[in-house]
N, C-alpha and C. Protein backbone atom coordinates (compact mmCIF):
# COMPACT_ATOMS: atom_id res chain seq x y z
N MET A 1 0.86 -1.18 0.00
CA MET A 1 0.00 0.00 0.00
C MET A 1 0.90 1.24 0.00
N ASN A 2 0.61 2.17 -0.87
CA ASN A 2 1.42 3.39 -0.91
C ASN A 2 0.93 4.39 0.15
N ASP A 3 1.75 5.41 0.40
CA ASP A 3 1.43 6.38 1.46
C ASP A 3 0.13 7.13 1.19
N ALA A 4 -0.12 7.52 -0.05
CA ALA A 4 -1.34 8.27 -0.36
C ALA A 4 -2.59 7.44 -0.07
N THR A 5 -2.55 6.17 -0.44
CA THR A 5 -3.69 5.29 -0.17
C THR A 5 -3.86 5.08 1.32
N ARG A 6 -2.76 4.84 2.03
CA ARG A 6 -2.82 4.66 3.48
C ARG A 6 -3.41 5.89 4.16
N GLN A 7 -2.95 7.07 3.76
CA GLN A 7 -3.47 8.31 4.35
C GLN A 7 -4.94 8.50 4.03
N ALA A 8 -5.36 8.15 2.83
CA ALA A 8 -6.78 8.27 2.47
C ALA A 8 -7.63 7.33 3.31
N ILE A 9 -7.13 6.13 3.54
CA ILE A 9 -7.85 5.16 4.37
C ILE A 9 -7.91 5.64 5.81
N GLU A 10 -6.80 6.13 6.32
CA GLU A 10 -6.77 6.66 7.69
C GLU A 10 -7.73 7.83 7.85
N ALA A 11 -7.75 8.73 6.88
CA ALA A 11 -8.65 9.89 6.93
C ALA A 11 -10.11 9.45 6.91
N ALA A 12 -10.43 8.48 6.07
CA ALA A 12 -11.81 7.98 6.00
C ALA A 12 -12.21 7.31 7.31
N THR A 13 -11.27 6.58 7.90
CA THR A 13 -11.54 5.92 9.18
C THR A 13 -11.77 6.96 10.27
N PHE A 14 -10.96 8.00 10.30
CA PHE A 14 -11.13 9.08 11.28
C PHE A 14 -12.49 9.76 11.10
N ARG A 15 -12.86 10.07 9.86
CA ARG A 15 -14.16 10.70 9.60
C ARG A 15 -15.30 9.81 10.07
N HIS A 16 -15.17 8.52 9.87
CA HIS A 16 -16.20 7.58 10.31
C HIS A 16 -16.30 7.58 11.84
N LEU A 17 -15.16 7.55 12.52
CA LEU A 17 -15.16 7.59 13.98
C LEU A 17 -15.83 8.86 14.49
N VAL A 18 -15.49 10.01 13.92
CA VAL A 18 -16.07 11.28 14.36
C VAL A 18 -17.58 11.28 14.11
N GLN A 19 -18.01 10.80 12.96
CA GLN A 19 -19.44 10.75 12.66
C GLN A 19 -20.16 9.82 13.62
N TYR A 20 -19.55 8.70 13.92
CA TYR A 20 -20.14 7.76 14.87
C TYR A 20 -20.34 8.42 16.23
N LEU A 21 -19.31 9.12 16.70
CA LEU A 21 -19.42 9.78 18.00
C LEU A 21 -20.46 10.89 17.98
N ARG A 22 -20.60 11.58 16.86
CA ARG A 22 -21.64 12.62 16.75
C ARG A 22 -23.03 12.00 16.84
N GLU A 23 -23.20 10.84 16.23
CA GLU A 23 -24.51 10.18 16.20
C GLU A 23 -24.84 9.48 17.51
N HIS A 24 -23.82 9.09 18.26
CA HIS A 24 -24.04 8.34 19.51
C HIS A 24 -23.73 9.21 20.72
N THR A 25 -24.59 10.20 20.90
CA THR A 25 -24.40 11.14 22.00
C THR A 25 -24.65 10.49 23.35
N GLU A 26 -25.29 9.30 23.35
CA GLU A 26 -25.49 8.59 24.62
C GLU A 26 -24.16 8.08 25.18
N VAL A 27 -23.16 7.98 24.33
CA VAL A 27 -21.82 7.59 24.78
C VAL A 27 -21.17 8.84 25.36
N GLN A 28 -21.05 8.84 26.66
CA GLN A 28 -20.51 9.99 27.36
C GLN A 28 -18.98 9.98 27.31
N ASN A 29 -18.39 11.17 27.40
CA ASN A 29 -16.94 11.27 27.37
C ASN A 29 -16.29 10.47 28.51
N ILE A 30 -16.90 10.48 29.67
CA ILE A 30 -16.30 9.74 30.79
C ILE A 30 -16.31 8.25 30.50
N ASP A 31 -17.35 7.76 29.78
CA ASP A 31 -17.37 6.36 29.40
C ASP A 31 -16.22 6.04 28.45
N LEU A 32 -16.00 6.93 27.48
CA LEU A 32 -14.88 6.76 26.56
C LEU A 32 -13.55 6.75 27.30
N MET A 33 -13.39 7.70 28.22
CA MET A 33 -12.15 7.78 29.00
C MET A 33 -11.95 6.50 29.81
N ASN A 34 -13.01 6.02 30.43
CA ASN A 34 -12.89 4.83 31.27
C ASN A 34 -12.60 3.57 30.47
N LEU A 35 -13.14 3.49 29.27
CA LEU A 35 -12.96 2.29 28.46
C LEU A 35 -11.74 2.35 27.54
N ALA A 36 -11.50 3.52 26.96
CA ALA A 36 -10.47 3.62 25.93
C ALA A 36 -9.32 4.54 26.29
N GLY A 37 -9.49 5.36 27.31
CA GLY A 37 -8.42 6.26 27.70
C GLY A 37 -8.36 7.53 26.88
N PHE A 38 -9.38 7.79 26.06
CA PHE A 38 -9.47 9.05 25.31
C PHE A 38 -10.95 9.37 25.12
N CYS A 39 -11.22 10.63 24.77
CA CYS A 39 -12.60 11.05 24.56
C CYS A 39 -12.66 12.06 23.42
N ARG A 40 -13.82 12.64 23.22
CA ARG A 40 -13.99 13.63 22.16
C ARG A 40 -13.06 14.82 22.36
N ASN A 41 -12.86 15.22 23.61
CA ASN A 41 -11.96 16.35 23.88
C ASN A 41 -10.52 15.99 23.53
N CYS A 42 -10.12 14.76 23.79
CA CYS A 42 -8.78 14.32 23.39
C CYS A 42 -8.64 14.40 21.87
N LEU A 43 -9.64 13.90 21.14
CA LEU A 43 -9.60 13.99 19.69
C LEU A 43 -9.47 15.44 19.24
N SER A 44 -10.17 16.33 19.92
CA SER A 44 -10.09 17.75 19.59
C SER A 44 -8.69 18.29 19.79
N LYS A 45 -8.06 17.91 20.88
CA LYS A 45 -6.68 18.35 21.16
C LYS A 45 -5.72 17.79 20.12
N TRP A 46 -5.89 16.53 19.76
CA TRP A 46 -5.01 15.92 18.75
C TRP A 46 -5.22 16.59 17.39
N TYR A 47 -6.47 16.92 17.07
CA TYR A 47 -6.79 17.58 15.81
C TYR A 47 -6.11 18.94 15.76
N ARG A 48 -6.24 19.69 16.85
CA ARG A 48 -5.61 21.01 16.92
C ARG A 48 -4.09 20.90 16.79
N ALA A 49 -3.50 19.96 17.48
CA ALA A 49 -2.04 19.79 17.42
C ALA A 49 -1.60 19.44 16.00
N ALA A 50 -2.35 18.57 15.32
CA ALA A 50 -2.00 18.19 13.95
C ALA A 50 -2.11 19.39 13.02
N ALA A 51 -3.13 20.21 13.23
CA ALA A 51 -3.28 21.43 12.42
C ALA A 51 -2.09 22.36 12.64
N GLU A 52 -1.73 22.58 13.89
CA GLU A 52 -0.62 23.47 14.21
C GLU A 52 0.71 22.95 13.65
N GLU A 53 0.90 21.63 13.67
CA GLU A 53 2.12 21.04 13.10
C GLU A 53 2.23 21.35 11.61
N ARG A 54 1.10 21.57 10.98
CA ARG A 54 1.07 21.87 9.55
C ARG A 54 0.92 23.36 9.26
N GLY A 55 1.10 24.18 10.31
CA GLY A 55 1.06 25.63 10.14
C GLY A 55 -0.33 26.23 10.06
N GLU A 56 -1.34 25.48 10.44
CA GLU A 56 -2.72 25.96 10.41
C GLU A 56 -3.12 26.48 11.78
N ALA A 57 -3.63 27.70 11.83
CA ALA A 57 -4.09 28.27 13.10
C ALA A 57 -5.48 27.71 13.41
N LEU A 58 -5.61 27.09 14.56
CA LEU A 58 -6.88 26.50 14.98
C LEU A 58 -6.88 26.49 16.49
N ASP A 59 -7.86 27.14 17.10
CA ASP A 59 -7.89 27.11 18.56
C ASP A 59 -8.70 25.90 19.04
N TYR A 60 -8.61 25.65 20.32
CA TYR A 60 -9.23 24.46 20.92
C TYR A 60 -10.73 24.44 20.69
N GLU A 61 -11.40 25.57 20.85
CA GLU A 61 -12.86 25.61 20.66
C GLU A 61 -13.24 25.31 19.22
N GLN A 62 -12.46 25.79 18.27
CA GLN A 62 -12.72 25.48 16.86
C GLN A 62 -12.53 23.98 16.62
N ALA A 63 -11.50 23.41 17.19
CA ALA A 63 -11.27 21.98 17.03
C ALA A 63 -12.40 21.17 17.66
N ARG A 64 -12.87 21.60 18.82
CA ARG A 64 -13.99 20.88 19.46
C ARG A 64 -15.24 20.95 18.60
N GLU A 65 -15.49 22.09 17.98
CA GLU A 65 -16.67 22.19 17.12
C GLU A 65 -16.55 21.25 15.92
N ILE A 66 -15.36 21.07 15.41
CA ILE A 66 -15.14 20.14 14.30
C ILE A 66 -15.45 18.72 14.76
N ILE A 67 -14.99 18.34 15.93
CA ILE A 67 -15.20 16.98 16.43
C ILE A 67 -16.65 16.76 16.87
N TYR A 68 -17.20 17.70 17.61
CA TYR A 68 -18.56 17.54 18.14
C TYR A 68 -19.64 17.82 17.08
N GLY A 69 -19.30 18.58 16.06
CA GLY A 69 -20.26 18.91 15.02
C GLY A 69 -21.11 20.13 15.33
N ILE A 70 -21.01 20.61 16.55
CA ILE A 70 -21.69 21.82 17.02
C ILE A 70 -20.79 22.44 18.08
N PRO A 71 -21.03 23.70 18.45
CA PRO A 71 -20.22 24.27 19.54
C PRO A 71 -20.30 23.39 20.79
N TYR A 72 -19.18 23.23 21.46
CA TYR A 72 -19.10 22.35 22.62
C TYR A 72 -20.16 22.69 23.67
N ARG A 73 -20.34 23.97 23.93
CA ARG A 73 -21.33 24.38 24.95
C ARG A 73 -22.72 23.83 24.61
N GLU A 74 -23.08 23.89 23.33
CA GLU A 74 -24.39 23.35 22.92
C GLU A 74 -24.44 21.84 23.13
N TRP A 75 -23.37 21.14 22.73
CA TRP A 75 -23.36 19.69 22.89
C TRP A 75 -23.49 19.34 24.37
N LYS A 76 -22.74 20.05 25.19
CA LYS A 76 -22.76 19.78 26.63
C LYS A 76 -24.16 20.00 27.20
N ASP A 77 -24.79 21.12 26.82
CA ASP A 77 -26.14 21.41 27.31
C ASP A 77 -27.16 20.38 26.85
N GLN A 78 -27.00 19.88 25.63
CA GLN A 78 -27.97 18.96 25.05
C GLN A 78 -27.74 17.49 25.42
N HIS A 79 -26.48 17.11 25.63
CA HIS A 79 -26.19 15.69 25.71
C HIS A 79 -25.41 15.22 26.93
N GLN A 80 -24.64 16.09 27.57
CA GLN A 80 -23.81 15.63 28.67
C GLN A 80 -24.65 15.34 29.90
N GLN A 81 -24.41 14.18 30.47
CA GLN A 81 -25.12 13.77 31.69
C GLN A 81 -24.17 13.88 32.87
N GLN A 82 -24.75 13.98 34.03
CA GLN A 82 -23.95 14.00 35.26
C GLN A 82 -23.27 12.65 35.42
N ALA A 83 -21.99 12.64 35.67
CA ALA A 83 -21.26 11.39 35.87
C ALA A 83 -21.67 10.76 37.19
N SER A 84 -21.80 9.45 37.17
CA SER A 84 -22.16 8.72 38.39
C SER A 84 -20.92 8.57 39.27
N LYS A 85 -21.15 8.21 40.52
CA LYS A 85 -20.03 7.98 41.43
C LYS A 85 -19.17 6.83 40.89
N GLU A 86 -19.80 5.80 40.37
CA GLU A 86 -19.05 4.67 39.81
C GLU A 86 -18.16 5.12 38.64
N GLN A 87 -18.70 5.94 37.75
CA GLN A 87 -17.92 6.45 36.62
C GLN A 87 -16.73 7.27 37.11
N LEU A 88 -16.99 8.15 38.06
CA LEU A 88 -15.92 8.99 38.60
C LEU A 88 -14.86 8.16 39.32
N ASP A 89 -15.29 7.13 40.06
CA ASP A 89 -14.35 6.25 40.76
C ASP A 89 -13.48 5.49 39.76
N THR A 90 -14.10 5.00 38.69
CA THR A 90 -13.37 4.27 37.66
C THR A 90 -12.35 5.20 37.00
N TYR A 91 -12.77 6.41 36.71
CA TYR A 91 -11.86 7.39 36.10
C TYR A 91 -10.68 7.68 37.03
N ALA A 92 -10.97 7.93 38.29
CA ALA A 92 -9.91 8.24 39.26
C ALA A 92 -8.92 7.07 39.40
N ALA A 93 -9.43 5.86 39.36
CA ALA A 93 -8.55 4.69 39.49
C ALA A 93 -7.62 4.52 38.30
N ARG A 94 -8.00 5.04 37.15
CA ARG A 94 -7.19 4.94 35.93
C ARG A 94 -6.10 6.00 35.85
N GLN A 95 -6.17 7.00 36.71
CA GLN A 95 -5.22 8.10 36.65
C GLN A 95 -3.88 7.71 37.26
N PRO A 96 -2.79 8.10 36.61
CA PRO A 96 -1.46 7.78 37.17
C PRO A 96 -1.29 8.36 38.57
N GLY A 97 -0.68 7.58 39.43
CA GLY A 97 -0.40 8.06 40.78
C GLY A 97 -1.58 7.95 41.71
N GLU A 98 -2.66 7.42 41.23
CA GLU A 98 -3.86 7.29 42.10
C GLU A 98 -3.86 5.97 42.81
């Protein structure tokens, strides 16, 4: 596989992941963090960093809107649920030094 094909496949896979997360708002960020060690906000940070590495100016809020599909504040108001004690405990246990 050549680099251009690999990059096209990786880009398509990333777009699919982002679309999936946009459609499955019931999947909370804390659930993602507890299961996979990353969440939508992590993707936003990675997106911003990749843009900056390529000389593109993009702030964190712009990157979050790209990942969430709407401004983060709107997504949070519409979809974010209060984390349970169990979710918070699981998250805390996964943190280094805890």
